[in-house]
C-alpha atoms as a PDB file:
ATOM      1  CA  UNK A   1     -31.588  12.197 -11.806  1.00  0.00           C
ATOM      2  CA  UNK A   2     -30.456  15.401 -13.253  1.00  0.00           C
ATOM      3  CA  UNK A   3     -27.827  15.768 -10.941  1.00  0.00           C
ATOM      4  CA  UNK A   4     -25.946  12.332 -11.646  1.00  0.00           C
ATOM      5  CA  UNK A   5     -26.263  13.534 -15.258  1.00  0.00           C
ATOM      6  CA  UNK A   6     -24.610  16.837 -14.524  1.00  0.00           C
ATOM      7  CA  UNK A   7     -21.760  14.814 -12.290  1.00  0.00           C
ATOM      8  CA  UNK A   8     -21.106  12.523 -15.574  1.00  0.00           C
ATOM      9  CA  UNK A   9     -20.583  15.032 -17.963  1.00  0.00           C
ATOM     10  CA  UNK A  10     -18.299  17.127 -15.430  1.00  0.00           C
ATOM     11  CA  UNK A  11     -16.331  14.239 -14.998  1.00  0.00           C
ATOM     12  CA  UNK A  12     -16.059  13.314 -18.794  1.00  0.00           C
ATOM     13  CA  UNK A  13     -15.241  17.421 -19.058  1.00  0.00           C
ATOM     14  CA  UNK A  14     -12.391  16.737 -16.266  1.00  0.00           C
ATOM     15  CA  UNK A  15     -10.887  13.766 -17.952  1.00  0.00           C
ATOM     16  CA  UNK A  16     -10.727  15.251 -21.444  1.00  0.00           C
ATOM     17  CA  UNK A  17      -9.233  18.449 -19.995  1.00  0.00           C
ATOM     18  CA  UNK A  18      -6.422  16.580 -18.005  1.00  0.00           C
ATOM     19  CA  UNK A  19      -5.323  13.896 -20.366  1.00  0.00           C
ATOM     20  CA  UNK A  20      -2.110  11.459 -19.775  1.00  0.00           C
ATOM     21  CA  UNK A  21       1.085  12.053 -21.821  1.00  0.00           C
ATOM     22  CA  UNK A  22       2.374   9.195 -24.357  1.00  0.00           C
ATOM     23  CA  UNK A  23       4.638   7.647 -21.546  1.00  0.00           C
ATOM     24  CA  UNK A  24       1.905   7.317 -19.166  1.00  0.00           C
ATOM     25  CA  UNK A  25      -0.586   6.143 -21.790  1.00  0.00           C
ATOM     26  CA  UNK A  26       2.328   3.442 -22.794  1.00  0.00           C
ATOM     27  CA  UNK A  27       2.835   2.101 -19.220  1.00  0.00           C
ATOM     28  CA  UNK A  28      -0.979   1.904 -18.623  1.00  0.00           C
ATOM     29  CA  UNK A  29      -1.430  -0.331 -21.935  1.00  0.00           C
ATOM     30  CA  UNK A  30       1.645  -2.545 -20.636  1.00  0.00           C
ATOM     31  CA  UNK A  31       0.530  -2.999 -16.889  1.00  0.00           C
ATOM     32  CA  UNK A  32      -3.264  -3.609 -17.999  1.00  0.00           C
ATOM     33  CA  UNK A  33      -2.225  -6.714 -19.576  1.00  0.00           C
ATOM     34  CA  UNK A  34      -0.935  -8.330 -16.160  1.00  0.00           C
ATOM     35  CA  UNK A  35      -3.587 -10.207 -14.337  1.00  0.00           C
ATOM     36  CA  UNK A  36      -4.027  -8.283 -10.899  1.00  0.00           C
ATOM     37  CA  UNK A  37      -3.516 -11.362  -8.582  1.00  0.00           C
ATOM     38  CA  UNK A  38       0.260 -11.632 -10.070  1.00  0.00           C
ATOM     39  CA  UNK A  39       1.080  -8.634  -7.767  1.00  0.00           C
ATOM     40  CA  UNK A  40      -0.744 -10.586  -4.829  1.00  0.00           C
ATOM     41  CA  UNK A  41       1.058 -13.840  -5.439  1.00  0.00           C
ATOM     42  CA  UNK A  42       4.390 -11.843  -5.898  1.00  0.00           C
ATOM     43  CA  UNK A  43       3.983  -9.984  -2.716  1.00  0.00           C
ATOM     44  CA  UNK A  44       3.098 -13.388  -0.741  1.00  0.00           C
ATOM     45  CA  UNK A  45       5.865 -15.120  -2.362  1.00  0.00           C
ATOM     46  CA  UNK A  46       8.221 -12.104  -1.097  1.00  0.00           C
ATOM     47  CA  UNK A  47       6.954 -12.768   2.264  1.00  0.00           C
ATOM     48  CA  UNK A  48       7.121 -16.473   2.255  1.00  0.00           C
ATOM     49  CA  UNK A  49      10.934 -16.202   0.677  1.00  0.00           C
ATOM     50  CA  UNK A  50      11.843 -13.354   3.646  1.00  0.00           C
ATOM     51  CA  UNK A  51      10.587 -15.787   6.497  1.00  0.00           C
ATOM     52  CA  UNK A  52      12.338 -18.695   5.042  1.00  0.00           C
ATOM     53  CA  UNK A  53      15.554 -16.645   4.978  1.00  0.00           C
ATOM     54  CA  UNK A  54      15.089 -15.492   8.643  1.00  0.00           C
ATOM     55  CA  UNK A  55      14.504 -18.986   9.893  1.00  0.00           C
ATOM     56  CA  UNK A  56      17.564 -19.837   7.946  1.00  0.00           C
ATOM     57  CA  UNK A  57      19.673 -17.227   9.570  1.00  0.00           C
ATOM     58  CA  UNK A  58      20.109 -14.595   6.746  1.00  0.00           C
ATOM     59  CA  UNK A  59      19.065 -11.704   8.511  1.00  0.00           C
ATOM     60  CA  UNK A  60      20.090  -9.080   6.041  1.00  0.00           C
ATOM     61  CA  UNK A  61      18.910 -10.945   3.250  1.00  0.00           C
ATOM     62  CA  UNK A  62      15.626 -11.318   4.618  1.00  0.00           C
ATOM     63  CA  UNK A  63      14.940  -7.839   5.631  1.00  0.00           C
ATOM     64  CA  UNK A  64      16.015  -6.808   2.100  1.00  0.00           C
ATOM     65  CA  UNK A  65      13.551  -9.154   0.682  1.00  0.00           C
ATOM     66  CA  UNK A  66      10.902  -8.263   3.199  1.00  0.00           C
ATOM     67  CA  UNK A  67      10.155  -4.878   1.805  1.00  0.00           C
ATOM     68  CA  UNK A  68       9.246  -6.179  -1.602  1.00  0.00           C
ATOM     69  CA  UNK A  69       5.809  -6.844  -0.760  1.00  0.00           C
ATOM     70  CA  UNK A  70       4.623  -3.087  -0.611  1.00  0.00           C
ATOM     71  CA  UNK A  71       5.716  -2.242  -3.607  1.00  0.00           C
ATOM     72  CA  UNK A  72       4.257  -5.091  -5.392  1.00  0.00           C
ATOM     73  CA  UNK A  73       0.860  -4.532  -3.712  1.00  0.00           C
ATOM     74  CA  UNK A  74       1.245  -0.738  -4.577  1.00  0.00           C
ATOM     75  CA  UNK A  75       1.836  -2.051  -8.418  1.00  0.00           C
ATOM     76  CA  UNK A  76      -1.439  -4.177  -8.040  1.00  0.00           C
ATOM     77  CA  UNK A  77      -3.178  -1.191  -6.815  1.00  0.00           C
ATOM     78  CA  UNK A  78      -2.009   0.972  -9.875  1.00  0.00           C
ATOM     79  CA  UNK A  79      -2.856  -2.092 -12.193  1.00  0.00           C
ATOM     80  CA  UNK A  80      -6.326  -2.169 -11.015  1.00  0.00           C
ATOM     81  CA  UNK A  81      -6.886   1.720 -11.202  1.00  0.00           C
ATOM     82  CA  UNK A  82      -5.454   1.700 -14.893  1.00  0.00           C
ATOM     83  CA  UNK A  83      -7.800  -1.085 -15.428  1.00  0.00           C
ATOM     84  CA  UNK A  84     -10.929   0.730 -14.160  1.00  0.00           C
ATOM     85  CA  UNK A  85     -10.317   4.081 -14.746  1.00  0.00           C
ATOM     86  CA  UNK A  86      -7.445   4.404 -16.977  1.00  0.00           C
ATOM     87  CA  UNK A  87      -6.630   7.175 -19.389  1.00  0.00           C
ATOM     88  CA  UNK A  88      -7.697   4.575 -22.129  1.00  0.00           C
ATOM     89  CA  UNK A  89     -11.653   4.906 -20.581  1.00  0.00           C
ATOM     90  CA  UNK A  90     -11.868   7.784 -22.782  1.00  0.00           C
ATOM     91  CA  UNK A  91     -10.980   6.154 -26.035  1.00  0.00           C
ATOM     92  CA  UNK A  92     -13.412   3.435 -25.486  1.00  0.00           C
END
């Protein structure tokens, strides 16, 4: 119990020491407004669109759109991290 309290205090001290700049805080405020599942649906839609383009014989377009799911999922992960452990956790 004492160790957990020390670790909690240590984490708070680290968070105060390494604060985000105004640009990162602004991005976090905006991305936190978007529901996380939007990014998942965007990734799934891109995969479906890529498959459709492939079946239509538009290989180059299919490959282009097929590269979108990974960035969408990364943005969703960033969104979730910001909501759970963003810089605004210190101000709440």
